């Protein structure tokens, strides 16, 4: 079953269970998916759905930080509940050590391709390769930190 079909099935189950919080979060996700399909005239595959979910989770994290700074715990709690529902659709995240190991492999591959040691000027190439291989599997902020650490060695 595709991720998109799973989300649709979960929405139906939330409707049957009258779980309004979960239903609201899933409807928001399906709206974002439909918007992407209409805007780009494409049929979403699992990778595209994961990218949308990842974007929505990042938005929730930013909102939680802003609401907590403004001392609006009620709104922060609502965002946390939505984020928990959304995170169920993301694949298991890699640990910091696994991300660092993947980045070291990407750096080694780039160095053999370039025929020289990778430096700070190669940050863009490394991030593009890392994003292609780790999208949806790791937080890109964590990946960026690992790439910077690998280049600083």
N, C-alpha and C. Protein backbone atom coordinates (compact mmCIF):
# COMPACT_ATOMS: atom_id res chain seq x y z
N UNK A 1 0.85 -1.18 0.00
CA UNK A 1 0.00 0.00 0.00
C UNK A 1 0.90 1.24 0.00
N UNK A 2 0.59 2.16 -0.88
CA UNK A 2 1.39 3.38 -0.96
C UNK A 2 1.13 4.26 0.26
N UNK A 3 2.02 5.16 0.50
CA UNK A 3 1.89 6.07 1.64
C UNK A 3 0.66 6.95 1.49
N UNK A 4 0.39 7.38 0.27
CA UNK A 4 -0.78 8.21 0.01
C UNK A 4 -2.07 7.45 0.34
N UNK A 5 -2.13 6.18 -0.06
CA UNK A 5 -3.30 5.35 0.25
C UNK A 5 -3.43 5.12 1.74
N UNK A 6 -2.31 4.94 2.42
CA UNK A 6 -2.30 4.75 3.87
C UNK A 6 -2.85 5.99 4.58
N UNK A 7 -2.47 7.16 4.11
CA UNK A 7 -2.95 8.41 4.71
C UNK A 7 -4.46 8.54 4.51
N UNK A 8 -4.93 8.19 3.33
CA UNK A 8 -6.37 8.25 3.05
C UNK A 8 -7.12 7.27 3.95
N UNK A 9 -6.58 6.09 4.11
CA UNK A 9 -7.21 5.09 4.98
C UNK A 9 -7.22 5.56 6.44
N UNK A 10 -6.12 6.16 6.89
CA UNK A 10 -6.06 6.69 8.26
C UNK A 10 -7.07 7.81 8.46
N UNK A 11 -7.30 8.62 7.41
CA UNK A 11 -8.29 9.68 7.52
C UNK A 11 -9.69 9.08 7.71
N UNK A 12 -9.99 8.03 6.96
CA UNK A 12 -11.30 7.38 7.11
C UNK A 12 -11.46 6.80 8.52
N UNK A 13 -10.39 6.18 9.03
CA UNK A 13 -10.44 5.61 10.37
C UNK A 13 -10.62 6.69 11.43
N UNK A 14 -9.97 7.83 11.26
CA UNK A 14 -10.12 8.94 12.21
C UNK A 14 -11.54 9.49 12.16
N UNK A 15 -12.14 9.51 10.98
CA UNK A 15 -13.53 9.96 10.87
C UNK A 15 -14.46 9.00 11.62
N UNK A 16 -14.23 7.71 11.42
CA UNK A 16 -15.08 6.71 12.09
C UNK A 16 -14.93 6.79 13.60
N UNK A 17 -13.69 7.03 14.06
CA UNK A 17 -13.43 7.08 15.50
C UNK A 17 -13.77 8.44 16.10
N UNK A 18 -14.15 9.39 15.26
CA UNK A 18 -14.46 10.75 15.70
C UNK A 18 -13.27 11.38 16.46
N UNK A 19 -12.07 11.09 15.97
CA UNK A 19 -10.84 11.64 16.54
C UNK A 19 -10.54 12.95 15.81
N UNK A 20 -11.08 14.07 16.34
CA UNK A 20 -11.02 15.34 15.62
C UNK A 20 -9.59 15.89 15.48
N UNK A 21 -8.76 15.71 16.50
CA UNK A 21 -7.39 16.24 16.40
C UNK A 21 -6.61 15.51 15.31
N UNK A 22 -6.67 14.19 15.33
CA UNK A 22 -5.97 13.40 14.32
C UNK A 22 -6.55 13.68 12.93
N UNK A 23 -7.86 13.77 12.84
CA UNK A 23 -8.52 14.04 11.56
C UNK A 23 -8.09 15.40 11.00
N UNK A 24 -8.01 16.40 11.85
CA UNK A 24 -7.58 17.73 11.39
C UNK A 24 -6.17 17.72 10.83
N UNK A 25 -5.26 17.01 11.51
CA UNK A 25 -3.88 16.95 11.05
C UNK A 25 -3.79 16.19 9.72
N UNK A 26 -4.55 15.11 9.60
CA UNK A 26 -4.50 14.32 8.36
C UNK A 26 -5.14 15.10 7.21
N UNK A 27 -6.22 15.82 7.49
CA UNK A 27 -6.84 16.64 6.43
C UNK A 27 -5.89 17.73 5.95
N UNK A 28 -5.14 18.32 6.88
CA UNK A 28 -4.16 19.34 6.51
C UNK A 28 -3.11 18.72 5.58
N UNK A 29 -2.68 17.51 5.91
CA UNK A 29 -1.69 16.81 5.09
C UNK A 29 -2.26 16.48 3.71
N UNK A 30 -3.47 15.98 3.65
CA UNK A 30 -4.06 15.66 2.35
C UNK A 30 -4.27 16.92 1.51
N UNK A 31 -4.61 18.03 2.17
CA UNK A 31 -4.75 19.29 1.43
C UNK A 31 -3.42 19.72 0.82
N UNK A 32 -2.34 19.56 1.59
CA UNK A 32 -1.01 19.91 1.07
C UNK A 32 -0.63 18.99 -0.09
N UNK A 33 -1.00 17.72 0.02
CA UNK A 33 -0.69 16.78 -1.06
C UNK A 33 -1.48 17.13 -2.32
N UNK A 34 -2.76 17.42 -2.18
CA UNK A 34 -3.59 17.77 -3.33
C UNK A 34 -3.10 19.07 -3.97
N UNK A 35 -2.68 20.03 -3.14
CA UNK A 35 -2.15 21.29 -3.65
C UNK A 35 -0.93 21.04 -4.52
N UNK A 36 -0.04 20.17 -4.06
CA UNK A 36 1.16 19.84 -4.82
C UNK A 36 0.79 19.16 -6.14
N UNK A 37 -0.18 18.24 -6.09
CA UNK A 37 -0.60 17.56 -7.31
C UNK A 37 -1.20 18.53 -8.32
N UNK A 38 -2.02 19.45 -7.85
CA UNK A 38 -2.66 20.41 -8.75
C UNK A 38 -1.64 21.40 -9.30
N UNK A 39 -0.78 21.91 -8.42
CA UNK A 39 0.20 22.91 -8.87
C UNK A 39 1.16 22.35 -9.91
N UNK A 40 1.64 21.14 -9.68
CA UNK A 40 2.67 20.58 -10.56
C UNK A 40 2.12 19.57 -11.57
N UNK A 41 0.83 19.29 -11.48
CA UNK A 41 0.18 18.33 -12.39
C UNK A 41 0.93 17.00 -12.42
N UNK A 42 1.16 16.45 -11.23
CA UNK A 42 1.85 15.17 -11.09
C UNK A 42 1.05 14.27 -10.16
N UNK A 43 1.33 12.99 -10.25
CA UNK A 43 0.80 12.01 -9.30
C UNK A 43 1.90 11.79 -8.27
N UNK A 44 1.60 11.99 -7.00
CA UNK A 44 2.61 11.91 -5.95
C UNK A 44 3.05 10.47 -5.71
N UNK A 45 4.35 10.27 -5.61
CA UNK A 45 4.87 8.98 -5.18
C UNK A 45 5.26 9.09 -3.71
N UNK A 46 5.72 7.99 -3.12
CA UNK A 46 6.02 7.99 -1.70
C UNK A 46 7.11 9.00 -1.33
N UNK A 47 8.11 9.17 -2.17
CA UNK A 47 9.19 10.11 -1.87
C UNK A 47 8.66 11.55 -1.81
N UNK A 48 7.76 11.88 -2.71
CA UNK A 48 7.19 13.23 -2.71
C UNK A 48 6.30 13.45 -1.49
N UNK A 49 5.56 12.42 -1.10
CA UNK A 49 4.71 12.53 0.09
C UNK A 49 5.57 12.71 1.33
N UNK A 50 6.67 11.96 1.42
CA UNK A 50 7.58 12.10 2.56
C UNK A 50 8.15 13.52 2.61
N UNK A 51 8.48 14.08 1.45
CA UNK A 51 9.01 15.45 1.41
C UNK A 51 7.97 16.45 1.92
N UNK A 52 6.70 16.24 1.56
CA UNK A 52 5.64 17.13 2.03
C UNK A 52 5.47 17.00 3.54
N UNK A 53 5.47 15.76 4.03
CA UNK A 53 5.32 15.53 5.48
C UNK A 53 6.49 16.16 6.22
N UNK A 54 7.70 15.99 5.68
CA UNK A 54 8.90 16.56 6.30
C UNK A 54 8.79 18.08 6.39
N UNK A 55 8.29 18.71 5.33
CA UNK A 55 8.12 20.17 5.31
C UNK A 55 7.10 20.60 6.37
N UNK A 56 5.99 19.87 6.47
CA UNK A 56 4.97 20.21 7.46
C UNK A 56 5.47 20.02 8.88
N UNK A 57 6.28 18.98 9.11
CA UNK A 57 6.85 18.77 10.44
C UNK A 57 7.78 19.92 10.80
N UNK A 58 8.59 20.36 9.82
CA UNK A 58 9.50 21.49 10.08
C UNK A 58 8.71 22.75 10.41
N UNK A 59 7.59 22.97 9.70
CA UNK A 59 6.74 24.13 10.00
C UNK A 59 6.20 24.04 11.41
N UNK A 60 5.80 22.84 11.83
CA UNK A 60 5.28 22.66 13.19
C UNK A 60 6.36 22.95 14.23
N UNK A 61 7.59 22.51 13.97
CA UNK A 61 8.69 22.78 14.91
C UNK A 61 8.91 24.28 15.06
N UNK A 62 8.90 24.98 13.94
CA UNK A 62 9.08 26.43 13.98
C UNK A 62 7.94 27.10 14.74
N UNK A 63 6.72 26.65 14.50
CA UNK A 63 5.56 27.22 15.18
C UNK A 63 5.61 26.96 16.68
N UNK A 64 6.02 25.76 17.06
CA UNK A 64 6.12 25.42 18.48
C UNK A 64 7.11 26.36 19.17
N UNK A 65 8.25 26.57 18.54
CA UNK A 65 9.26 27.47 19.12
C UNK A 65 8.70 28.88 19.27
N UNK A 66 8.00 29.36 18.25
CA UNK A 66 7.43 30.72 18.31
C UNK A 66 6.34 30.82 19.38
N UNK A 67 5.48 29.82 19.47
CA UNK A 67 4.40 29.86 20.46
C UNK A 67 4.94 29.77 21.88
N UNK A 68 5.98 28.95 22.08
CA UNK A 68 6.55 28.84 23.42
C UNK A 68 7.26 30.13 23.81
N UNK A 69 7.88 30.78 22.85
CA UNK A 69 8.54 32.05 23.13
C UNK A 69 7.51 33.12 23.49
N UNK A 70 6.34 33.05 22.87
CA UNK A 70 5.27 34.02 23.14
C UNK A 70 4.41 33.60 24.34
N UNK A 71 4.82 32.50 25.02
CA UNK A 71 4.11 31.99 26.20
C UNK A 71 2.68 31.60 25.86
N UNK A 72 2.50 30.95 24.72
CA UNK A 72 1.18 30.43 24.30
C UNK A 72 1.24 28.91 24.29
N UNK A 73 1.26 28.32 25.46
CA UNK A 73 1.42 26.87 25.59
C UNK A 73 0.24 26.11 24.97
N UNK A 74 -0.95 26.69 25.00
CA UNK A 74 -2.12 26.02 24.41
C UNK A 74 -1.92 25.80 22.91
N UNK A 75 -1.42 26.80 22.21
CA UNK A 75 -1.17 26.67 20.78
C UNK A 75 0.02 25.75 20.50
N UNK A 76 1.03 25.82 21.35
CA UNK A 76 2.20 24.96 21.20
C UNK A 76 1.79 23.49 21.35
N UNK A 77 0.91 23.20 22.30
CA UNK A 77 0.45 21.83 22.51
C UNK A 77 -0.32 21.32 21.30
N UNK A 78 -1.12 22.19 20.69
CA UNK A 78 -1.87 21.80 19.49
C UNK A 78 -0.91 21.46 18.35
N UNK A 79 0.12 22.27 18.18
CA UNK A 79 1.11 22.02 17.14
C UNK A 79 1.88 20.72 17.41
N UNK A 80 2.19 20.46 18.69
CA UNK A 80 2.89 19.22 19.05
C UNK A 80 2.04 18.00 18.72
N UNK A 81 0.74 18.10 18.96
CA UNK A 81 -0.16 16.98 18.64
C UNK A 81 -0.19 16.74 17.13
N UNK A 82 -0.26 17.81 16.35
CA UNK A 82 -0.24 17.68 14.88
C UNK A 82 1.08 17.09 14.41
N UNK A 83 2.17 17.54 15.01
CA UNK A 83 3.49 17.04 14.62
C UNK A 83 3.61 15.55 14.92
N UNK A 84 3.05 15.09 16.03
CA UNK A 84 3.11 13.67 16.37
C UNK A 84 2.36 12.83 15.34
N UNK A 85 1.22 13.33 14.87
CA UNK A 85 0.45 12.62 13.84
C UNK A 85 1.25 12.57 12.55
N UNK A 86 1.86 13.68 12.17
CA UNK A 86 2.61 13.74 10.92
C UNK A 86 3.86 12.86 10.95
N UNK A 87 4.54 12.82 12.10
CA UNK A 87 5.78 12.06 12.18
C UNK A 87 5.56 10.56 12.00
N UNK A 88 4.33 10.10 12.21
CA UNK A 88 4.03 8.69 12.00
C UNK A 88 4.20 8.29 10.53
N UNK A 89 4.13 9.26 9.62
CA UNK A 89 4.23 8.96 8.20
C UNK A 89 5.66 9.10 7.67
N UNK A 90 6.59 9.51 8.53
CA UNK A 90 7.98 9.62 8.11
C UNK A 90 8.70 8.30 8.34
N UNK A 91 9.66 7.97 7.48
CA UNK A 91 10.45 6.76 7.74
C UNK A 91 11.32 6.97 8.98
N UNK A 92 11.82 5.88 9.52
CA UNK A 92 12.66 5.96 10.72
C UNK A 92 13.87 6.86 10.43
N UNK A 93 14.13 7.76 11.35
CA UNK A 93 15.25 8.70 11.18
C UNK A 93 16.57 8.05 11.54
N UNK A 94 17.62 8.46 10.85
CA UNK A 94 18.96 7.96 11.13
C UNK A 94 19.50 8.66 12.37
N UNK A 95 20.34 7.94 13.12
CA UNK A 95 20.98 8.55 14.28
C UNK A 95 22.10 9.47 13.81
N UNK A 96 22.64 10.26 14.73
CA UNK A 96 23.71 11.19 14.39
C UNK A 96 24.94 10.43 13.86
N UNK A 97 25.23 9.28 14.44
CA UNK A 97 26.38 8.49 14.00
C UNK A 97 26.15 7.95 12.59
N UNK A 98 24.93 7.49 12.31
CA UNK A 98 24.62 6.98 10.98
C UNK A 98 24.69 8.09 9.93
N UNK A 99 24.21 9.28 10.29
CA UNK A 99 24.28 10.42 9.38
C UNK A 99 25.74 10.76 9.09
N UNK A 100 26.56 10.80 10.15
CA UNK A 100 27.98 11.11 9.98
C UNK A 100 28.66 10.07 9.10
N UNK A 101 28.32 8.81 9.27
CA UNK A 101 28.91 7.75 8.45
C UNK A 101 28.50 7.90 6.98
N UNK A 102 27.22 8.20 6.74
CA UNK A 102 26.75 8.42 5.36
C UNK A 102 27.47 9.61 4.72
N UNK A 103 27.62 10.68 5.49
CA UNK A 103 28.28 11.88 4.97
C UNK A 103 29.74 11.59 4.67
N UNK A 104 30.41 10.83 5.53
CA UNK A 104 31.81 10.45 5.25
C UNK A 104 31.91 9.67 3.94
N UNK A 105 30.94 8.79 3.69
CA UNK A 105 30.93 8.04 2.44
C UNK A 105 30.72 8.96 1.24
N UNK A 106 29.83 9.93 1.39
CA UNK A 106 29.57 10.88 0.31
C UNK A 106 30.81 11.74 0.05
N UNK A 107 31.49 12.17 1.11
CA UNK A 107 32.71 12.97 0.97
C UNK A 107 33.79 12.15 0.26
N UNK A 108 33.94 10.88 0.66
CA UNK A 108 34.94 10.02 0.03
C UNK A 108 34.65 9.84 -1.46
N UNK A 109 33.38 9.65 -1.79
CA UNK A 109 33.00 9.49 -3.20
C UNK A 109 33.29 10.76 -3.99
N UNK A 110 33.01 11.91 -3.41
CA UNK A 110 33.26 13.18 -4.09
C UNK A 110 34.76 13.41 -4.26
N UNK A 111 35.54 13.07 -3.24
CA UNK A 111 36.99 13.25 -3.33
C UNK A 111 37.59 12.38 -4.43
N UNK A 112 37.10 11.15 -4.57
CA UNK A 112 37.62 10.30 -5.65
C UNK A 112 37.20 10.84 -7.02
N UNK A 113 36.00 11.40 -7.08
CA UNK A 113 35.51 11.99 -8.33
C UNK A 113 36.33 13.23 -8.71
N UNK A 114 36.64 14.06 -7.70
CA UNK A 114 37.39 15.28 -7.96
C UNK A 114 38.89 15.03 -8.10
N UNK A 115 39.38 13.97 -7.48
CA UNK A 115 40.81 13.68 -7.51
C UNK A 115 41.60 14.55 -6.55
N UNK A 116 40.91 15.13 -5.57
CA UNK A 116 41.57 15.97 -4.56
C UNK A 116 40.72 15.92 -3.29
N UNK A 117 41.29 16.49 -2.23
CA UNK A 117 40.55 16.55 -0.98
C UNK A 117 39.42 17.58 -1.09
N UNK A 118 38.30 17.25 -0.50
CA UNK A 118 37.16 18.18 -0.52
C UNK A 118 37.41 19.31 0.45
N UNK A 119 37.04 20.50 0.06
CA UNK A 119 37.21 21.67 0.91
C UNK A 119 35.90 22.41 1.09
N UNK A 120 35.94 23.53 1.80
CA UNK A 120 34.72 24.31 2.03
C UNK A 120 34.03 24.76 0.75
N UNK A 121 34.76 24.91 -0.33
CA UNK A 121 34.17 25.33 -1.60
C UNK A 121 33.27 24.24 -2.19
N UNK A 122 33.42 23.01 -1.71
CA UNK A 122 32.63 21.88 -2.21
C UNK A 122 31.38 21.63 -1.38
N UNK A 123 31.06 22.54 -0.48
CA UNK A 123 29.90 22.38 0.40
C UNK A 123 28.61 22.19 -0.39
N UNK A 124 28.41 22.97 -1.43
CA UNK A 124 27.19 22.88 -2.24
C UNK A 124 27.05 21.52 -2.91
N UNK A 125 28.15 21.01 -3.48
CA UNK A 125 28.12 19.70 -4.13
C UNK A 125 27.80 18.61 -3.11
N UNK A 126 28.43 18.71 -1.94
CA UNK A 126 28.21 17.71 -0.91
C UNK A 126 26.78 17.74 -0.39
N UNK A 127 26.25 18.94 -0.19
CA UNK A 127 24.87 19.05 0.32
C UNK A 127 23.88 18.52 -0.71
N UNK A 128 24.14 18.76 -2.00
CA UNK A 128 23.24 18.25 -3.04
C UNK A 128 23.25 16.72 -3.04
N UNK A 129 24.43 16.14 -2.93
CA UNK A 129 24.54 14.68 -2.91
C UNK A 129 23.92 14.11 -1.63
N UNK A 130 24.15 14.79 -0.51
CA UNK A 130 23.60 14.33 0.77
C UNK A 130 22.08 14.44 0.76
N UNK A 131 21.56 15.51 0.20
CA UNK A 131 20.11 15.69 0.15
C UNK A 131 19.48 14.60 -0.71
N UNK A 132 20.13 14.26 -1.81
CA UNK A 132 19.60 13.23 -2.69
C UNK A 132 19.57 11.87 -1.99
N UNK A 133 20.59 11.58 -1.20
CA UNK A 133 20.66 10.25 -0.60
C UNK A 133 19.98 10.17 0.77
N UNK A 134 19.87 11.28 1.48
CA UNK A 134 19.33 11.24 2.84
C UNK A 134 17.98 11.92 3.01
N UNK A 135 17.38 12.40 1.94
CA UNK A 135 16.10 13.10 2.04
C UNK A 135 15.06 12.19 2.68
N UNK A 136 14.40 12.68 3.71
CA UNK A 136 13.38 11.91 4.39
C UNK A 136 13.91 10.97 5.44
N UNK A 137 15.21 10.67 5.39
CA UNK A 137 15.80 9.74 6.36
C UNK A 137 16.45 10.47 7.52
N UNK A 138 16.80 11.74 7.32
CA UNK A 138 17.49 12.50 8.35
C UNK A 138 17.09 13.96 8.27
N UNK A 139 17.21 14.64 9.39
CA UNK A 139 16.96 16.07 9.45
C UNK A 139 18.08 16.77 8.68
N UNK A 140 17.72 17.63 7.74
CA UNK A 140 18.74 18.25 6.90
C UNK A 140 19.64 19.21 7.68
N UNK A 141 19.18 19.75 8.78
CA UNK A 141 20.04 20.56 9.64
C UNK A 141 21.16 19.71 10.23
N UNK A 142 20.80 18.50 10.61
CA UNK A 142 21.78 17.56 11.15
C UNK A 142 22.77 17.15 10.05
N UNK A 143 22.27 16.96 8.84
CA UNK A 143 23.12 16.58 7.71
C UNK A 143 24.09 17.72 7.41
N UNK A 144 23.59 18.96 7.42
CA UNK A 144 24.45 20.11 7.16
C UNK A 144 25.57 20.21 8.19
N UNK A 145 25.24 19.98 9.44
CA UNK A 145 26.26 20.02 10.49
C UNK A 145 27.29 18.92 10.28
N UNK A 146 26.86 17.75 9.85
CA UNK A 146 27.79 16.64 9.60
C UNK A 146 28.69 16.94 8.41
N UNK A 147 28.14 17.58 7.38
CA UNK A 147 28.95 17.94 6.21
C UNK A 147 30.00 18.98 6.61
N UNK A 148 29.59 19.99 7.38
CA UNK A 148 30.55 21.00 7.84
C UNK A 148 31.65 20.36 8.68
N UNK A 149 31.28 19.43 9.55
CA UNK A 149 32.27 18.74 10.38
C UNK A 149 33.23 17.92 9.52
N UNK A 150 32.69 17.27 8.50
CA UNK A 150 33.54 16.45 7.63
C UNK A 150 34.51 17.32 6.81
N UNK A 151 34.06 18.51 6.43
CA UNK A 151 34.94 19.41 5.67
C UNK A 151 35.98 20.09 6.56
N UNK A 152 35.69 20.20 7.84
CA UNK A 152 36.61 20.89 8.75
C UNK A 152 37.75 20.01 9.21
N UNK A 153 37.71 18.75 8.91
CA UNK A 153 38.74 17.82 9.39
C UNK A 153 40.09 18.10 8.80
